[in-house]
Amino acid sequence: MEIFRAEKICVVEDNSTRTCRVCGKKMKLVRAVVDAESGGITHMFECACGKRLWDD
């Protein structure tokens, strides 16, 4: 049984306008994860100050 499998299937362009709640700078998209069963996408953003945000 295969529990976890990670495979890079594409590169996602960062066109987000998210800003950091701590310092106010633009956050960078660092990951986009697709749930194979539901088709849902979770985005992970990171700021230069170290703050991270998950959005799904």
C-alpha atoms as a PDB file:
ATOM      1  CA  MET A   1       0.000   0.000   0.000  1.00  0.00           C
ATOM      2  CA  GLU A   2       1.315   3.406  -0.985  1.00  0.00           C
ATOM      3  CA  ILE A   3       0.680   5.983   1.750  1.00  0.00           C
ATOM      4  CA  PHE A   4       2.662   8.996   0.540  1.00  0.00           C
ATOM      5  CA  ARG A   5       4.050   9.776  -2.885  1.00  0.00           C
ATOM      6  CA  ALA A   6       5.429  13.123  -3.930  1.00  0.00           C
ATOM      7  CA  GLU A   7       6.031  13.832  -7.578  1.00  0.00           C
ATOM      8  CA  LYS A   8       6.780  17.152  -9.263  1.00  0.00           C
ATOM      9  CA  ILE A   9       4.417  17.438 -12.203  1.00  0.00           C
ATOM     10  CA  CYS A  10       4.675  21.109 -13.181  1.00  0.00           C
ATOM     11  CA  VAL A  11       5.957  24.560 -12.307  1.00  0.00           C
ATOM     12  CA  VAL A  12       3.339  27.020 -11.068  1.00  0.00           C
ATOM     13  CA  GLU A  13       3.759  30.691 -11.935  1.00  0.00           C
ATOM     14  CA  ASP A  14       3.612  32.972  -8.893  1.00  0.00           C
ATOM     15  CA  ASN A  15       0.987  35.580  -9.735  1.00  0.00           C
ATOM     16  CA  SER A  16      -0.240  35.958  -6.170  1.00  0.00           C
ATOM     17  CA  THR A  17      -0.939  39.311  -4.571  1.00  0.00           C
ATOM     18  CA  ARG A  18      -0.721  37.952  -1.026  1.00  0.00           C
ATOM     19  CA  THR A  19       0.973  40.225   1.475  1.00  0.00           C
ATOM     20  CA  CYS A  20       2.537  39.256   4.783  1.00  0.00           C
ATOM     21  CA  ARG A  21       0.488  39.988   7.904  1.00  0.00           C
ATOM     22  CA  VAL A  22       3.681  40.594   9.894  1.00  0.00           C
ATOM     23  CA  CYS A  23       5.760  42.930   7.700  1.00  0.00           C
ATOM     24  CA  GLY A  24       3.429  43.821   4.805  1.00  0.00           C
ATOM     25  CA  LYS A  25       5.755  42.650   1.999  1.00  0.00           C
ATOM     26  CA  LYS A  26       4.653  40.432  -0.914  1.00  0.00           C
ATOM     27  CA  MET A  27       4.690  36.708  -0.127  1.00  0.00           C
ATOM     28  CA  LYS A  28       6.237  34.218  -2.559  1.00  0.00           C
ATOM     29  CA  LEU A  29       4.493  31.012  -3.657  1.00  0.00           C
ATOM     30  CA  VAL A  30       6.867  28.189  -2.665  1.00  0.00           C
ATOM     31  CA  ARG A  31       4.654  25.081  -3.040  1.00  0.00           C
ATOM     32  CA  ALA A  32       1.412  23.990  -4.681  1.00  0.00           C
ATOM     33  CA  VAL A  33       0.258  20.524  -3.593  1.00  0.00           C
ATOM     34  CA  VAL A  34      -2.554  18.625  -5.351  1.00  0.00           C
ATOM     35  CA  ASP A  35      -4.621  16.030  -3.495  1.00  0.00           C
ATOM     36  CA  ALA A  36      -4.974  13.215  -6.041  1.00  0.00           C
ATOM     37  CA  GLU A  37      -8.209  11.908  -4.527  1.00  0.00           C
ATOM     38  CA  SER A  38     -10.180  15.146  -4.162  1.00  0.00           C
ATOM     39  CA  GLY A  39      -8.400  17.309  -6.740  1.00  0.00           C
ATOM     40  CA  GLY A  40      -8.000  20.044  -4.120  1.00  0.00           C
ATOM     41  CA  ILE A  41      -4.963  22.313  -4.311  1.00  0.00           C
ATOM     42  CA  THR A  42      -3.077  23.657  -1.282  1.00  0.00           C
ATOM     43  CA  HIS A  43      -0.755  26.643  -1.782  1.00  0.00           C
ATOM     44  CA  MET A  44       2.122  27.485   0.553  1.00  0.00           C
ATOM     45  CA  PHE A  45       3.399  31.051   0.635  1.00  0.00           C
ATOM     46  CA  GLU A  46       6.514  32.332   2.381  1.00  0.00           C
ATOM     47  CA  CYS A  47       7.736  35.836   3.191  1.00  0.00           C
ATOM     48  CA  ALA A  48      11.319  37.055   3.461  1.00  0.00           C
ATOM     49  CA  CYS A  49      10.670  37.645   7.194  1.00  0.00           C
ATOM     50  CA  GLY A  50      10.026  33.890   7.622  1.00  0.00           C
ATOM     51  CA  LYS A  51       6.229  33.958   7.999  1.00  0.00           C
ATOM     52  CA  ARG A  52       4.460  31.080   6.185  1.00  0.00           C
ATOM     53  CA  LEU A  53       0.847  30.792   5.126  1.00  0.00           C
ATOM     54  CA  TRP A  54      -1.090  27.769   3.875  1.00  0.00           C
ATOM     55  CA  ASP A  55      -4.071  28.401   1.656  1.00  0.00           C
ATOM     56  CA  ASP A  56      -6.356  25.679   0.339  1.00  0.00           C
END
